[in-house]
Amino acid sequence: MRQGPATDRIVITGVSARGFHGVFPQERREGQDFVVDVVLEVDLARAGGTDALADTVSYAEVAADIVGRIAGEPRDLIERLAEDIAADALARPLVESVSVTVHKPQAPVGVPFGDVAVTIVRHRPWVPVVIALGANLGDRAATLAGAVRRLPRAGLRDVVVSDLVETDPVGGPDQGPYLNAVAVARTRHTPARLLDRLHRIEDGFGRTREVRWGPRTLDLDLIQYGTPGAVDEVVSADPRLTLPHPRAHERAFVLLPWLSADPAARLRVGGDVVDVARLADGLDGSGVRAAGTLEVSPRRWDR
């Protein structure tokens, strides 16, 4: 279903219900049975380790969505019905792509036949994301530049990187100042898979996690996934990946460089969506100092 290494799959076949889809009056009046098969690409590694329903996709919920579409608003074409079902599946944060087959075994074909079916394959769309970068060990600027160069290989495109700022550490043990930047980009990865890719980049630069808020060679935080208030936004209270980042609105070293990459940036704060410029105006930015730009060219990278 997708170029590159195969991912895990959830397969649900034979979901059936009566619907009223079709272009002929008798189809709309009398209805007929429809049968749907779906194949979901989902990273199931976490669920296999945790044995937790929250780390996978509920088959019952997917099946209920399918029945709701079959029995719901009539469509002229089963192609459109398949698109509706695919959109429902891709709205689930863990689903990376989906194959939908809609069978219409009682279609008015006019000749003897066994089945009529259409199959579509749809992928998660490209969505905007915001990533904060920081480092306070070793050659900080070289580390951040190296991390930015690896972002396209982590599944990001249209990457735009902010100006650099130097920041006094917040919390944790005594340590040196940080260099910070923010990257705005787009991805087709789910939030969980993107976070895993970012952790791999951190590991490649020797990141360790023994001390909370301790010094680090590289820190990559996923600040926001999707457009706040839009259908692609993901809001999550999962402690392993809270979205948007729960402290981003309080951190000048995130908001100020973010504005240099995207002056129109907006961030969800609780139930509100707020201009980042407004949030930044309300913070004390005295501990954030301009530190130039990263020596990476060009400033925008396409996958």
C-alpha atoms as a PDB file:
ATOM      1  CA  MET A   1       0.000   0.000   0.000  1.00  0.00           C
ATOM      2  CA  ARG A   2       2.916   2.366   0.558  1.00  0.00           C
ATOM      3  CA  GLN A   3       6.406   2.613  -0.850  1.00  0.00           C
ATOM      4  CA  GLY A   4       9.157   1.577   1.512  1.00  0.00           C
ATOM      5  CA  PRO A   5       9.223  -1.089   4.222  1.00  0.00           C
ATOM      6  CA  ALA A   6       5.935  -2.831   4.920  1.00  0.00           C
ATOM      7  CA  THR A   7       4.072  -1.799   8.035  1.00  0.00           C
ATOM      8  CA  ASP A   8       1.632  -3.695  10.219  1.00  0.00           C
ATOM      9  CA  ARG A   9      -1.940  -4.127   9.082  1.00  0.00           C
ATOM     10  CA  ILE A  10      -5.402  -4.574  10.521  1.00  0.00           C
ATOM     11  CA  VAL A  11      -7.791  -6.347   8.151  1.00  0.00           C
ATOM     12  CA  ILE A  12     -11.575  -6.264   8.575  1.00  0.00           C
ATOM     13  CA  THR A  13     -13.640  -8.069   5.955  1.00  0.00           C
ATOM     14  CA  GLY A  14     -17.315  -8.634   5.268  1.00  0.00           C
ATOM     15  CA  VAL A  15     -18.850  -5.721   7.144  1.00  0.00           C
ATOM     16  CA  SER A  16     -22.395  -5.595   5.765  1.00  0.00           C
ATOM     17  CA  ALA A  17     -25.486  -3.431   6.064  1.00  0.00           C
ATOM     18  CA  ARG A  18     -28.412  -2.286   3.991  1.00  0.00           C
ATOM     19  CA  GLY A  19     -28.086   1.018   2.189  1.00  0.00           C
ATOM     20  CA  PHE A  20     -29.761   3.117  -0.480  1.00  0.00           C
ATOM     21  CA  HIS A  21     -26.837   4.043  -2.708  1.00  0.00           C
ATOM     22  CA  GLY A  22     -27.224   4.122  -6.475  1.00  0.00           C
ATOM     23  CA  VAL A  23     -28.351   6.227  -9.408  1.00  0.00           C
ATOM     24  CA  PHE A  24     -31.604   4.391 -10.144  1.00  0.00           C
ATOM     25  CA  PRO A  25     -34.906   5.228  -8.411  1.00  0.00           C
ATOM     26  CA  GLN A  26     -35.502   1.661  -7.268  1.00  0.00           C
ATOM     27  CA  GLU A  27     -32.106   1.576  -5.571  1.00  0.00           C
ATOM     28  CA  ARG A  28     -32.965   4.683  -3.595  1.00  0.00           C
ATOM     29  CA  ARG A  29     -36.454   3.378  -2.836  1.00  0.00           C
ATOM     30  CA  GLU A  30     -35.883  -0.295  -2.021  1.00  0.00           C
ATOM     31  CA  GLY A  31     -32.243  -0.353  -0.968  1.00  0.00           C
ATOM     32  CA  GLN A  32     -29.849  -3.302  -1.152  1.00  0.00           C
ATOM     33  CA  ASP A  33     -27.055  -4.982   0.778  1.00  0.00           C
ATOM     34  CA  PHE A  34     -23.508  -3.640   0.657  1.00  0.00           C
ATOM     35  CA  VAL A  35     -20.361  -5.371   1.936  1.00  0.00           C
ATOM     36  CA  VAL A  36     -17.118  -3.603   2.843  1.00  0.00           C
ATOM     37  CA  ASP A  37     -13.561  -4.806   3.429  1.00  0.00           C
ATOM     38  CA  VAL A  38     -10.878  -2.521   4.869  1.00  0.00           C
ATOM     39  CA  VAL A  39      -7.132  -2.898   5.357  1.00  0.00           C
ATOM     40  CA  LEU A  40      -5.582  -0.387   7.752  1.00  0.00           C
ATOM     41  CA  GLU A  41      -1.850   0.276   7.902  1.00  0.00           C
ATOM     42  CA  VAL A  42      -1.047   0.872  11.560  1.00  0.00           C
ATOM     43  CA  ASP A  43       2.188   0.657  13.531  1.00  0.00           C
ATOM     44  CA  LEU A  44       1.272  -2.079  16.008  1.00  0.00           C
ATOM     45  CA  ALA A  45       4.647  -2.425  17.727  1.00  0.00           C
ATOM     46  CA  ARG A  46       3.611  -0.370  20.753  1.00  0.00           C
ATOM     47  CA  ALA A  47       0.334  -2.261  21.166  1.00  0.00           C
ATOM     48  CA  GLY A  48       2.209  -5.539  20.954  1.00  0.00           C
ATOM     49  CA  GLY A  49       4.363  -4.439  23.871  1.00  0.00           C
ATOM     50  CA  THR A  50       1.807  -2.700  26.085  1.00  0.00           C
ATOM     51  CA  ASP A  51      -1.241  -4.907  25.433  1.00  0.00           C
ATOM     52  CA  ALA A  52      -3.290  -1.680  25.646  1.00  0.00           C
ATOM     53  CA  LEU A  53      -6.292  -0.873  23.475  1.00  0.00           C
ATOM     54  CA  ALA A  54      -5.241   2.782  23.401  1.00  0.00           C
ATOM     55  CA  ASP A  55      -2.183   1.805  21.355  1.00  0.00           C
ATOM     56  CA  THR A  56      -4.123   0.220  18.521  1.00  0.00           C
ATOM     57  CA  VAL A  57      -7.284   0.859  16.486  1.00  0.00           C
ATOM     58  CA  SER A  58     -10.604  -0.475  17.761  1.00  0.00           C
ATOM     59  CA  TYR A  59     -11.958  -2.909  15.188  1.00  0.00           C
ATOM     60  CA  ALA A  60     -15.447  -2.465  16.641  1.00  0.00           C
ATOM     61  CA  GLU A  61     -15.342   1.302  16.189  1.00  0.00           C
ATOM     62  CA  VAL A  62     -14.100   1.006  12.613  1.00  0.00           C
ATOM     63  CA  ALA A  63     -16.831  -1.513  11.807  1.00  0.00           C
ATOM     64  CA  ALA A  64     -19.465   0.736  13.377  1.00  0.00           C
ATOM     65  CA  ASP A  65     -18.233   3.654  11.258  1.00  0.00           C
ATOM     66  CA  ILE A  66     -18.569   1.513   8.132  1.00  0.00           C
ATOM     67  CA  VAL A  67     -22.119   0.443   8.986  1.00  0.00           C
ATOM     68  CA  GLY A  68     -22.989   4.062   9.669  1.00  0.00           C
ATOM     69  CA  ARG A  69     -21.766   5.065   6.216  1.00  0.00           C
ATOM     70  CA  ILE A  70     -23.567   2.215   4.448  1.00  0.00           C
ATOM     71  CA  ALA A  71     -26.850   2.933   6.203  1.00  0.00           C
ATOM     72  CA  GLY A  72     -26.370   6.694   6.136  1.00  0.00           C
ATOM     73  CA  GLU A  73     -26.649   9.409   3.495  1.00  0.00           C
ATOM     74  CA  PRO A  74     -27.269   7.852   0.064  1.00  0.00           C
ATOM     75  CA  ARG A  75     -24.559   8.253  -2.556  1.00  0.00           C
ATOM     76  CA  ASP A  76     -24.959   7.834  -6.294  1.00  0.00           C
ATOM     77  CA  LEU A  77     -21.705   5.887  -6.589  1.00  0.00           C
ATOM     78  CA  ILE A  78     -20.020   3.288  -4.425  1.00  0.00           C
ATOM     79  CA  GLU A  79     -16.789   5.103  -5.320  1.00  0.00           C
ATOM     80  CA  ARG A  80     -18.028   8.003  -3.195  1.00  0.00           C
ATOM     81  CA  LEU A  81     -19.088   5.636  -0.418  1.00  0.00           C
ATOM     82  CA  ALA A  82     -15.572   4.188  -0.416  1.00  0.00           C
ATOM     83  CA  GLU A  83     -14.092   7.692  -0.129  1.00  0.00           C
ATOM     84  CA  ASP A  84     -16.297   8.430   2.887  1.00  0.00           C
ATOM     85  CA  ILE A  85     -15.191   5.234   4.609  1.00  0.00           C
ATOM     86  CA  ALA A  86     -11.527   5.931   3.855  1.00  0.00           C
ATOM     87  CA  ALA A  87     -11.795   9.467   5.281  1.00  0.00           C
ATOM     88  CA  ASP A  88     -13.267   8.102   8.513  1.00  0.00           C
ATOM     89  CA  ALA A  89     -10.391   5.648   8.862  1.00  0.00           C
ATOM     90  CA  LEU A  90      -7.694   8.241   8.194  1.00  0.00           C
ATOM     91  CA  ALA A  91      -9.205  10.535  10.819  1.00  0.00           C
ATOM     92  CA  ARG A  92      -7.925   8.058  13.422  1.00  0.00           C
ATOM     93  CA  PRO A  93      -4.493   9.244  14.627  1.00  0.00           C
ATOM     94  CA  LEU A  94      -2.812   5.825  14.358  1.00  0.00           C
ATOM     95  CA  VAL A  95      -3.921   4.979  10.793  1.00  0.00           C
ATOM     96  CA  GLU A  96      -1.276   5.680   8.157  1.00  0.00           C
ATOM     97  CA  SER A  97      -3.122   4.463   5.068  1.00  0.00           C
ATOM     98  CA  VAL A  98      -6.221   2.482   4.194  1.00  0.00           C
ATOM     99  CA  SER A  99      -7.535   0.249   1.450  1.00  0.00           C
ATOM    100  CA  VAL A 100     -11.339   0.151   1.127  1.00  0.00           C
ATOM    101  CA  THR A 101     -13.286  -2.308  -1.020  1.00  0.00           C
ATOM    102  CA  VAL A 102     -17.037  -1.771  -1.381  1.00  0.00           C
ATOM    103  CA  HIS A 103     -19.006  -4.713  -2.781  1.00  0.00           C
ATOM    104  CA  LYS A 104     -22.417  -4.222  -4.390  1.00  0.00           C
ATOM    105  CA  PRO A 105     -23.542  -7.818  -5.011  1.00  0.00           C
ATOM    106  CA  GLN A 106     -27.097  -6.861  -6.017  1.00  0.00           C
ATOM    107  CA  ALA A 107     -26.130  -4.095  -8.441  1.00  0.00           C
ATOM    108  CA  PRO A 108     -28.511  -3.673 -11.427  1.00  0.00           C
ATOM    109  CA  VAL A 109     -25.950  -4.812 -14.007  1.00  0.00           C
ATOM    110  CA  GLY A 110     -28.415  -6.417 -16.424  1.00  0.00           C
ATOM    111  CA  VAL A 111     -26.440  -9.646 -16.965  1.00  0.00           C
ATOM    112  CA  PRO A 112     -25.584 -12.590 -14.666  1.00  0.00           C
ATOM    113  CA  PHE A 113     -22.608 -11.742 -12.407  1.00  0.00           C
ATOM    114  CA  GLY A 114     -21.078 -12.752  -9.121  1.00  0.00           C
ATOM    115  CA  ASP A 115     -20.122  -9.398  -7.602  1.00  0.00           C
ATOM    116  CA  VAL A 116     -19.359  -5.762  -8.359  1.00  0.00           C
ATOM    117  CA  ALA A 117     -16.767  -4.009  -6.234  1.00  0.00           C
ATOM    118  CA  VAL A 118     -14.517  -0.963  -6.224  1.00  0.00           C
ATOM    119  CA  THR A 119     -11.258  -0.699  -4.287  1.00  0.00           C
ATOM    120  CA  ILE A 120      -9.477   2.529  -3.385  1.00  0.00           C
ATOM    121  CA  VAL A 121      -6.228   3.130  -1.510  1.00  0.00           C
ATOM    122  CA  ARG A 122      -5.777   6.390   0.377  1.00  0.00           C
ATOM    123  CA  HIS A 123      -2.880   7.697   2.459  1.00  0.00           C
ATOM    124  CA  ARG A 124      -2.778  10.078   5.364  1.00  0.00           C
ATOM    125  CA  PRO A 125      -2.529  13.584   3.862  1.00  0.00           C
ATOM    126  CA  TRP A 126       0.440  15.870   4.390  1.00  0.00           C
ATOM    127  CA  VAL A 127      -0.217  17.855   7.565  1.00  0.00           C
ATOM    128  CA  PRO A 128       1.715  20.731   9.152  1.00  0.00           C
ATOM    129  CA  VAL A 129       3.841  20.054  12.218  1.00  0.00           C
ATOM    130  CA  VAL A 130       6.021  22.135  14.507  1.00  0.00           C
ATOM    131  CA  ILE A 131       9.228  20.787  16.050  1.00  0.00           C
ATOM    132  CA  ALA A 132      11.403  22.516  18.656  1.00  0.00           C
ATOM    133  CA  LEU A 133      15.145  21.819  18.580  1.00  0.00           C
ATOM    134  CA  GLY A 134      17.612  22.409  21.388  1.00  0.00           C
ATOM    135  CA  ALA A 135      21.176  21.480  22.402  1.00  0.00           C
ATOM    136  CA  ASN A 136      23.575  22.530  25.158  1.00  0.00           C
ATOM    137  CA  LEU A 137      26.409  19.986  24.915  1.00  0.00           C
ATOM    138  CA  GLY A 138      29.244  19.812  22.415  1.00  0.00           C
ATOM    139  CA  ASP A 139      29.160  21.831  19.198  1.00  0.00           C
ATOM    140  CA  ARG A 140      25.583  22.953  19.576  1.00  0.00           C
ATOM    141  CA  ALA A 141      25.192  24.689  16.223  1.00  0.00           C
ATOM    142  CA  ALA A 142      26.705  21.752  14.315  1.00  0.00           C
ATOM    143  CA  THR A 143      24.388  19.356  16.123  1.00  0.00           C
ATOM    144  CA  LEU A 144      21.277  21.373  15.312  1.00  0.00           C
ATOM    145  CA  ALA A 145      22.348  21.758  11.683  1.00  0.00           C
ATOM    146  CA  GLY A 146      22.936  18.008  11.453  1.00  0.00           C
ATOM    147  CA  ALA A 147      19.525  17.295  12.963  1.00  0.00           C
ATOM    148  CA  VAL A 148      17.824  19.598  10.462  1.00  0.00           C
ATOM    149  CA  ARG A 149      19.538  17.806   7.573  1.00  0.00           C
ATOM    150  CA  ARG A 150      18.073  14.530   8.828  1.00  0.00           C
ATOM    151  CA  LEU A 151      14.492  15.754   9.075  1.00  0.00           C
ATOM    152  CA  PRO A 152      13.587  14.924   5.451  1.00  0.00           C
ATOM    153  CA  ARG A 153      14.781  11.357   5.990  1.00  0.00           C
ATOM    154  CA  ALA A 154      12.475  11.205   9.012  1.00  0.00           C
ATOM    155  CA  GLY A 155       9.475  11.788   6.746  1.00  0.00           C
ATOM    156  CA  LEU A 156       9.274  15.595   6.740  1.00  0.00           C
ATOM    157  CA  ARG A 157       9.033  17.896   3.746  1.00  0.00           C
ATOM    158  CA  ASP A 158       8.838  21.647   3.145  1.00  0.00           C
ATOM    159  CA  VAL A 159      11.001  22.163   6.221  1.00  0.00           C
ATOM    160  CA  VAL A 160      11.518  25.798   7.222  1.00  0.00           C
ATOM    161  CA  VAL A 161      13.902  26.514  10.108  1.00  0.00           C
ATOM    162  CA  SER A 162      13.813  29.536  12.383  1.00  0.00           C
ATOM    163  CA  ASP A 163      16.620  31.792  13.460  1.00  0.00           C
ATOM    164  CA  LEU A 164      18.721  30.559  16.357  1.00  0.00           C
ATOM    165  CA  VAL A 165      18.342  31.793  19.914  1.00  0.00           C
ATOM    166  CA  GLU A 166      20.523  31.152  22.945  1.00  0.00           C
ATOM    167  CA  THR A 167      18.592  30.439  26.111  1.00  0.00           C
ATOM    168  CA  ASP A 168      19.380  30.078  29.779  1.00  0.00           C
ATOM    169  CA  PRO A 169      18.328  26.616  31.037  1.00  0.00           C
ATOM    170  CA  VAL A 170      14.930  26.293  32.695  1.00  0.00           C
ATOM    171  CA  GLY A 171      14.761  23.844  35.605  1.00  0.00           C
ATOM    172  CA  GLY A 172      16.995  20.844  36.146  1.00  0.00           C
ATOM    173  CA  PRO A 173      20.588  20.758  37.409  1.00  0.00           C
ATOM    174  CA  ASP A 174      23.247  23.410  36.769  1.00  0.00           C
ATOM    175  CA  GLN A 175      24.121  23.360  33.068  1.00  0.00           C
ATOM    176  CA  GLY A 176      25.212  25.525  30.198  1.00  0.00           C
ATOM    177  CA  PRO A 177      22.976  27.617  27.938  1.00  0.00           C
ATOM    178  CA  TYR A 178      21.006  26.103  25.072  1.00  0.00           C
ATOM    179  CA  LEU A 179      20.886  26.885  21.420  1.00  0.00           C
ATOM    180  CA  ASN A 180      17.283  26.619  20.289  1.00  0.00           C
ATOM    181  CA  ALA A 181      15.431  26.710  16.993  1.00  0.00           C
ATOM    182  CA  VAL A 182      12.031  25.734  15.640  1.00  0.00           C
ATOM    183  CA  ALA A 183      11.254  23.884  12.417  1.00  0.00           C
ATOM    184  CA  VAL A 184       7.879  23.989  10.699  1.00  0.00           C
ATOM    185  CA  ALA A 185       7.259  21.279   8.149  1.00  0.00           C
ATOM    186  CA  ARG A 186       4.721  18.800   6.783  1.00  0.00           C
ATOM    187  CA  THR A 187       4.496  15.042   7.263  1.00  0.00           C
ATOM    188  CA  ARG A 188       2.357  12.049   6.385  1.00  0.00           C
ATOM    189  CA  HIS A 189       3.497  10.124   9.441  1.00  0.00           C
ATOM    190  CA  THR A 190       1.158   9.616  12.363  1.00  0.00           C
ATOM    191  CA  PRO A 191       2.163  11.549  15.496  1.00  0.00           C
ATOM    192  CA  ALA A 192       3.480   8.390  17.172  1.00  0.00           C
ATOM    193  CA  ARG A 193       5.586   7.349  14.188  1.00  0.00           C
ATOM    194  CA  LEU A 194       6.937  10.878  13.746  1.00  0.00           C
ATOM    195  CA  LEU A 195       7.928  11.008  17.409  1.00  0.00           C
ATOM    196  CA  ASP A 196       9.725   7.688  17.001  1.00  0.00           C
ATOM    197  CA  ARG A 197      11.649   9.095  14.011  1.00  0.00           C
ATOM    198  CA  LEU A 198      12.605  12.180  15.999  1.00  0.00           C
ATOM    199  CA  HIS A 199      13.848  10.015  18.861  1.00  0.00           C
ATOM    200  CA  ARG A 200      16.013   8.106  16.391  1.00  0.00           C
ATOM    201  CA  ILE A 201      17.617  11.377  15.309  1.00  0.00           C
ATOM    202  CA  GLU A 202      18.259  12.247  18.957  1.00  0.00           C
ATOM    203  CA  ASP A 203      19.815   8.836  19.548  1.00  0.00           C
ATOM    204  CA  GLY A 204      22.077   9.349  16.541  1.00  0.00           C
ATOM    205  CA  PHE A 205      23.555  12.384  18.281  1.00  0.00           C
ATOM    206  CA  GLY A 206      24.128  10.555  21.564  1.00  0.00           C
ATOM    207  CA  ARG A 207      21.062  11.761  23.445  1.00  0.00           C
ATOM    208  CA  THR A 208      20.574  10.173  26.866  1.00  0.00           C
ATOM    209  CA  ARG A 209      17.577  10.527  29.200  1.00  0.00           C
ATOM    210  CA  GLU A 210      18.888   9.760  32.679  1.00  0.00           C
ATOM    211  CA  VAL A 211      18.155  13.187  34.220  1.00  0.00           C
ATOM    212  CA  ARG A 212      14.903  15.040  33.628  1.00  0.00           C
ATOM    213  CA  TRP A 213      15.590  18.510  32.205  1.00  0.00           C
ATOM    214  CA  GLY A 214      19.289  17.679  32.335  1.00  0.00           C
ATOM    215  CA  PRO A 215      21.910  18.730  29.775  1.00  0.00           C
ATOM    216  CA  ARG A 216      21.542  17.073  26.389  1.00  0.00           C
ATOM    217  CA  THR A 217      23.303  16.801  23.094  1.00  0.00           C
ATOM    218  CA  LEU A 218      20.004  17.159  21.235  1.00  0.00           C
ATOM    219  CA  ASP A 219      16.339  17.631  22.118  1.00  0.00           C
ATOM    220  CA  LEU A 220      13.570  17.372  19.515  1.00  0.00           C
ATOM    221  CA  ASP A 221      10.060  18.108  20.796  1.00  0.00           C
ATOM    222  CA  LEU A 222       6.901  17.710  18.748  1.00  0.00           C
ATOM    223  CA  ILE A 223       5.058  20.913  19.606  1.00  0.00           C
ATOM    224  CA  GLN A 224       2.001  20.736  17.391  1.00  0.00           C
ATOM    225  CA  TYR A 225       0.477  18.312  14.886  1.00  0.00           C
ATOM    226  CA  GLY A 226      -1.986  19.634  12.333  1.00  0.00           C
ATOM    227  CA  THR A 227      -3.610  23.038  11.984  1.00  0.00           C
ATOM    228  CA  PRO A 228      -5.237  24.223  15.227  1.00  0.00           C
ATOM    229  CA  GLY A 229      -9.000  24.096  14.865  1.00  0.00           C
ATOM    230  CA  ALA A 230      -8.891  22.132  11.589  1.00  0.00           C
ATOM    231  CA  VAL A 231      -9.818  18.517  10.946  1.00  0.00           C
ATOM    232  CA  ASP A 232      -6.158  17.460  10.756  1.00  0.00           C
ATOM    233  CA  GLU A 233      -5.327  18.705  14.252  1.00  0.00           C
ATOM    234  CA  VAL A 234      -4.442  16.018  16.789  1.00  0.00           C
ATOM    235  CA  VAL A 235      -5.082  16.812  20.450  1.00  0.00           C
ATOM    236  CA  SER A 236      -3.817  14.187  22.858  1.00  0.00           C
ATOM    237  CA  ALA A 237      -3.571  13.893  26.638  1.00  0.00           C
ATOM    238  CA  ASP A 238      -1.418  10.754  26.411  1.00  0.00           C
ATOM    239  CA  PRO A 239       1.592  11.369  28.715  1.00  0.00           C
ATOM    240  CA  ARG A 240       3.850   9.668  26.164  1.00  0.00           C
ATOM    241  CA  LEU A 241       2.864  12.231  23.533  1.00  0.00           C
ATOM    242  CA  THR A 242       0.803  15.179  24.731  1.00  0.00           C
ATOM    243  CA  LEU A 243      -0.387  17.401  21.887  1.00  0.00           C
ATOM    244  CA  PRO A 244      -0.041  20.257  21.629  1.00  0.00           C
ATOM    245  CA  HIS A 245       3.025  20.402  23.859  1.00  0.00           C
ATOM    246  CA  PRO A 246       1.625  21.310  27.302  1.00  0.00           C
ATOM    247  CA  ARG A 247       4.261  23.951  28.107  1.00  0.00           C
ATOM    248  CA  ALA A 248       4.947  25.440  24.670  1.00  0.00           C
ATOM    249  CA  HIS A 249       2.756  28.496  25.329  1.00  0.00           C
ATOM    250  CA  GLU A 250       4.932  29.357  28.359  1.00  0.00           C
ATOM    251  CA  ARG A 251       8.304  29.068  26.652  1.00  0.00           C
ATOM    252  CA  ALA A 252       9.788  32.114  25.005  1.00  0.00           C
ATOM    253  CA  PHE A 253      12.582  29.965  23.569  1.00  0.00           C
ATOM    254  CA  VAL A 254       9.922  28.131  21.557  1.00  0.00           C
ATOM    255  CA  LEU A 255       7.569  30.977  20.664  1.00  0.00           C
ATOM    256  CA  LEU A 256      10.131  33.597  19.621  1.00  0.00           C
ATOM    257  CA  PRO A 257      12.063  31.487  17.115  1.00  0.00           C
ATOM    258  CA  TRP A 258       8.795  29.922  15.902  1.00  0.00           C
ATOM    259  CA  LEU A 259       7.625  33.387  14.840  1.00  0.00           C
ATOM    260  CA  SER A 260      10.742  33.859  12.712  1.00  0.00           C
ATOM    261  CA  ALA A 261       9.855  30.677  10.816  1.00  0.00           C
ATOM    262  CA  ASP A 262       6.100  31.369  10.657  1.00  0.00           C
ATOM    263  CA  PRO A 263       4.945  34.876  11.632  1.00  0.00           C
ATOM    264  CA  ALA A 264       1.289  33.785  11.328  1.00  0.00           C
ATOM    265  CA  ALA A 265       1.692  30.792  13.662  1.00  0.00           C
ATOM    266  CA  ARG A 266      -1.167  29.807  15.958  1.00  0.00           C
ATOM    267  CA  LEU A 267      -1.210  27.440  18.940  1.00  0.00           C
ATOM    268  CA  ARG A 268      -3.985  25.752  20.868  1.00  0.00           C
ATOM    269  CA  VAL A 269      -4.005  26.682  24.557  1.00  0.00           C
ATOM    270  CA  GLY A 270      -6.732  24.705  26.289  1.00  0.00           C
ATOM    271  CA  GLY A 271      -9.967  25.341  24.424  1.00  0.00           C
ATOM    272  CA  ASP A 272      -8.673  28.407  22.573  1.00  0.00           C
ATOM    273  CA  VAL A 273      -6.544  28.857  19.468  1.00  0.00           C
ATOM    274  CA  VAL A 274      -4.241  31.846  19.982  1.00  0.00           C
ATOM    275  CA  ASP A 275      -1.790  33.747  17.793  1.00  0.00           C
ATOM    276  CA  VAL A 276       1.753  32.836  18.791  1.00  0.00           C
ATOM    277  CA  ALA A 277       2.695  36.530  18.484  1.00  0.00           C
ATOM    278  CA  ARG A 278       0.144  37.355  21.163  1.00  0.00           C
ATOM    279  CA  LEU A 279       1.457  34.612  23.434  1.00  0.00           C
ATOM    280  CA  ALA A 280       5.044  35.774  22.933  1.00  0.00           C
ATOM    281  CA  ASP A 281       4.127  39.365  23.822  1.00  0.00           C
ATOM    282  CA  GLY A 282       2.941  38.173  27.208  1.00  0.00           C
ATOM    283  CA  LEU A 283       6.205  36.448  28.140  1.00  0.00           C
ATOM    284  CA  ASP A 284       9.475  37.702  29.545  1.00  0.00           C
ATOM    285  CA  GLY A 285      11.939  37.108  26.717  1.00  0.00           C
ATOM    286  CA  SER A 286      14.958  38.574  28.518  1.00  0.00           C
ATOM    287  CA  GLY A 287      16.578  35.138  28.825  1.00  0.00           C
ATOM    288  CA  VAL A 288      16.360  34.530  25.071  1.00  0.00           C
ATOM    289  CA  ARG A 289      19.165  36.022  22.981  1.00  0.00           C
ATOM    290  CA  ALA A 290      19.460  36.163  19.197  1.00  0.00           C
ATOM    291  CA  ALA A 291      22.201  33.786  18.010  1.00  0.00           C
ATOM    292  CA  GLY A 292      22.199  34.024  14.223  1.00  0.00           C
ATOM    293  CA  THR A 293      21.099  31.318  11.801  1.00  0.00           C
ATOM    294  CA  LEU A 294      22.028  27.700  11.209  1.00  0.00           C
ATOM    295  CA  GLU A 295      24.669  27.058   8.561  1.00  0.00           C
ATOM    296  CA  VAL A 296      22.385  24.887   6.500  1.00  0.00           C
ATOM    297  CA  SER A 297      21.457  25.884   2.969  1.00  0.00           C
ATOM    298  CA  PRO A 298      18.860  26.263   1.616  1.00  0.00           C
ATOM    299  CA  ARG A 299      16.507  27.090   4.494  1.00  0.00           C
ATOM    300  CA  ARG A 300      13.753  25.000   2.887  1.00  0.00           C
ATOM    301  CA  TRP A 301      14.191  21.313   2.095  1.00  0.00           C
ATOM    302  CA  ASP A 302      11.827  19.186   0.058  1.00  0.00           C
ATOM    303  CA  ARG A 303      11.684  15.462   0.452  1.00  0.00           C
END
